[in-house]
Amino acid sequence: MPSSTTSRSKVYYCIYVLESMKDNKRYIGFTINLKQRIRQHQEGESFSTRYRRPFKLIYAELCTNKEDAVRREKYLKETGGRRFLAKRLKSYYKQ
């Protein structure tokens, strides 16, 4: 009996926050391949983060829609989003 669901792969868009271990500043971005993108940041392949290496991943969330991911990335870079991250990562910063 054929399945009523399709077997195509779902693409997820990952919004992520990296923290520079050099200057403790955060970098916010989005990607469809988090592991590869972090590697690119760590190896200096991203111009915007090249001089702030190394990094650690401190936060990530997934979206199923690219437009939602872009909007969420933009929000996290604004004042309200930075406040959200400070509250969300409160225990992380207490360490």
C-alpha atoms as a PDB file:
ATOM      1  CA  MET A   1       0.000   0.000   0.000  1.00  0.00           C
ATOM      2  CA  PRO A   2       1.518   3.357  -0.994  1.00  0.00           C
ATOM      3  CA  SER A   3       2.276   5.873   1.715  1.00  0.00           C
ATOM      4  CA  SER A   4       0.292   9.093   1.743  1.00  0.00           C
ATOM      5  CA  THR A   5       3.381  11.063   2.790  1.00  0.00           C
ATOM      6  CA  THR A   6       6.146  12.015   0.419  1.00  0.00           C
ATOM      7  CA  SER A   7       9.705  10.845   0.970  1.00  0.00           C
ATOM      8  CA  ARG A   8      11.399  14.089  -0.081  1.00  0.00           C
ATOM      9  CA  SER A   9      13.874  15.630   2.318  1.00  0.00           C
ATOM     10  CA  LYS A  10      12.861  18.699   4.258  1.00  0.00           C
ATOM     11  CA  VAL A  11      15.282  21.618   4.236  1.00  0.00           C
ATOM     12  CA  TYR A  12      15.793  23.385   7.533  1.00  0.00           C
ATOM     13  CA  TYR A  13      17.294  26.831   7.930  1.00  0.00           C
ATOM     14  CA  CYS A  14      19.418  27.202  11.026  1.00  0.00           C
ATOM     15  CA  ILE A  15      19.850  30.552  12.742  1.00  0.00           C
ATOM     16  CA  TYR A  16      22.970  30.411  14.884  1.00  0.00           C
ATOM     17  CA  VAL A  17      24.956  32.498  17.328  1.00  0.00           C
ATOM     18  CA  LEU A  18      28.707  32.142  17.631  1.00  0.00           C
ATOM     19  CA  GLU A  19      30.786  33.690  20.357  1.00  0.00           C
ATOM     20  CA  SER A  20      34.339  34.728  19.630  1.00  0.00           C
ATOM     21  CA  MET A  21      36.775  33.285  22.141  1.00  0.00           C
ATOM     22  CA  LYS A  22      39.126  36.128  21.177  1.00  0.00           C
ATOM     23  CA  ASP A  23      36.937  39.157  21.957  1.00  0.00           C
ATOM     24  CA  ASN A  24      33.762  37.573  23.466  1.00  0.00           C
ATOM     25  CA  LYS A  25      31.582  39.256  20.829  1.00  0.00           C
ATOM     26  CA  ARG A  26      28.741  37.416  19.120  1.00  0.00           C
ATOM     27  CA  TYR A  27      28.145  36.691  15.454  1.00  0.00           C
ATOM     28  CA  ILE A  28      24.618  35.883  14.251  1.00  0.00           C
ATOM     29  CA  GLY A  29      23.933  34.157  10.946  1.00  0.00           C
ATOM     30  CA  PHE A  30      21.813  31.555   9.191  1.00  0.00           C
ATOM     31  CA  THR A  31      22.585  28.554   7.009  1.00  0.00           C
ATOM     32  CA  ILE A  32      21.208  25.256   5.738  1.00  0.00           C
ATOM     33  CA  ASN A  33      24.368  23.394   6.786  1.00  0.00           C
ATOM     34  CA  LEU A  34      25.431  24.403  10.293  1.00  0.00           C
ATOM     35  CA  LYS A  35      28.387  22.037  10.568  1.00  0.00           C
ATOM     36  CA  GLN A  36      29.910  23.289   7.304  1.00  0.00           C
ATOM     37  CA  ARG A  37      29.237  26.943   8.141  1.00  0.00           C
ATOM     38  CA  ILE A  38      30.923  26.681  11.547  1.00  0.00           C
ATOM     39  CA  ARG A  39      33.921  25.043   9.863  1.00  0.00           C
ATOM     40  CA  GLN A  40      34.092  27.974   7.421  1.00  0.00           C
ATOM     41  CA  HIS A  41      34.087  30.445  10.304  1.00  0.00           C
ATOM     42  CA  GLN A  42      36.746  28.459  12.201  1.00  0.00           C
ATOM     43  CA  GLU A  43      39.018  28.229   9.150  1.00  0.00           C
ATOM     44  CA  GLY A  44      38.777  31.934   8.324  1.00  0.00           C
ATOM     45  CA  GLU A  45      36.768  31.496   5.118  1.00  0.00           C
ATOM     46  CA  SER A  46      34.254  34.144   6.201  1.00  0.00           C
ATOM     47  CA  PHE A  47      35.618  37.670   5.781  1.00  0.00           C
ATOM     48  CA  SER A  48      33.393  39.139   8.491  1.00  0.00           C
ATOM     49  CA  THR A  49      34.677  36.772  11.188  1.00  0.00           C
ATOM     50  CA  ARG A  50      38.184  35.928   9.991  1.00  0.00           C
ATOM     51  CA  TYR A  51      39.991  38.029  12.596  1.00  0.00           C
ATOM     52  CA  ARG A  52      37.787  37.001  15.533  1.00  0.00           C
ATOM     53  CA  ARG A  53      38.574  33.252  15.548  1.00  0.00           C
ATOM     54  CA  PRO A  54      38.167  30.840  17.261  1.00  0.00           C
ATOM     55  CA  PHE A  55      34.427  30.559  17.927  1.00  0.00           C
ATOM     56  CA  LYS A  56      32.063  28.474  19.947  1.00  0.00           C
ATOM     57  CA  LEU A  57      28.440  27.834  19.074  1.00  0.00           C
ATOM     58  CA  ILE A  58      26.261  29.182  21.888  1.00  0.00           C
ATOM     59  CA  TYR A  59      22.750  29.127  20.369  1.00  0.00           C
ATOM     60  CA  ALA A  60      20.849  27.732  17.391  1.00  0.00           C
ATOM     61  CA  GLU A  61      17.251  27.424  16.256  1.00  0.00           C
ATOM     62  CA  LEU A  62      15.598  25.978  13.154  1.00  0.00           C
ATOM     63  CA  CYS A  63      13.058  27.325  10.677  1.00  0.00           C
ATOM     64  CA  THR A  64      11.330  25.440   7.869  1.00  0.00           C
ATOM     65  CA  ASN A  65      11.013  28.555   5.707  1.00  0.00           C
ATOM     66  CA  LYS A  66      13.862  30.703   4.382  1.00  0.00           C
ATOM     67  CA  GLU A  67      11.976  33.981   4.711  1.00  0.00           C
ATOM     68  CA  ASP A  68      11.211  33.217   8.360  1.00  0.00           C
ATOM     69  CA  ALA A  69      14.894  32.426   8.992  1.00  0.00           C
ATOM     70  CA  VAL A  70      16.036  35.680   7.379  1.00  0.00           C
ATOM     71  CA  ARG A  71      13.489  37.641   9.419  1.00  0.00           C
ATOM     72  CA  ARG A  72      14.554  35.867  12.632  1.00  0.00           C
ATOM     73  CA  GLU A  73      18.263  36.500  11.938  1.00  0.00           C
ATOM     74  CA  LYS A  74      17.515  40.182  11.378  1.00  0.00           C
ATOM     75  CA  TYR A  75      15.482  40.340  14.604  1.00  0.00           C
ATOM     76  CA  LEU A  76      18.265  38.740  16.673  1.00  0.00           C
ATOM     77  CA  LYS A  77      20.679  41.392  15.395  1.00  0.00           C
ATOM     78  CA  GLU A  78      18.380  44.207  16.590  1.00  0.00           C
ATOM     79  CA  THR A  79      18.030  45.525  20.130  1.00  0.00           C
ATOM     80  CA  GLY A  80      14.967  43.403  20.949  1.00  0.00           C
ATOM     81  CA  GLY A  81      16.685  40.282  19.661  1.00  0.00           C
ATOM     82  CA  ARG A  82      19.818  40.978  21.669  1.00  0.00           C
ATOM     83  CA  ARG A  83      17.642  41.309  24.770  1.00  0.00           C
ATOM     84  CA  PHE A  84      15.939  38.015  23.889  1.00  0.00           C
ATOM     85  CA  LEU A  85      19.327  36.294  23.584  1.00  0.00           C
ATOM     86  CA  ALA A  86      20.534  37.762  26.876  1.00  0.00           C
ATOM     87  CA  LYS A  87      17.458  36.339  28.631  1.00  0.00           C
ATOM     88  CA  ARG A  88      17.582  33.033  26.725  1.00  0.00           C
ATOM     89  CA  LEU A  89      21.274  32.536  27.497  1.00  0.00           C
ATOM     90  CA  LYS A  90      21.133  33.804  31.073  1.00  0.00           C
ATOM     91  CA  SER A  91      22.463  30.531  32.553  1.00  0.00           C
ATOM     92  CA  TYR A  92      25.192  30.354  29.893  1.00  0.00           C
ATOM     93  CA  TYR A  93      26.546  33.759  30.908  1.00  0.00           C
ATOM     94  CA  LYS A  94      26.477  32.844  34.621  1.00  0.00           C
ATOM     95  CA  GLN A  95      29.026  30.073  34.055  1.00  0.00           C
END
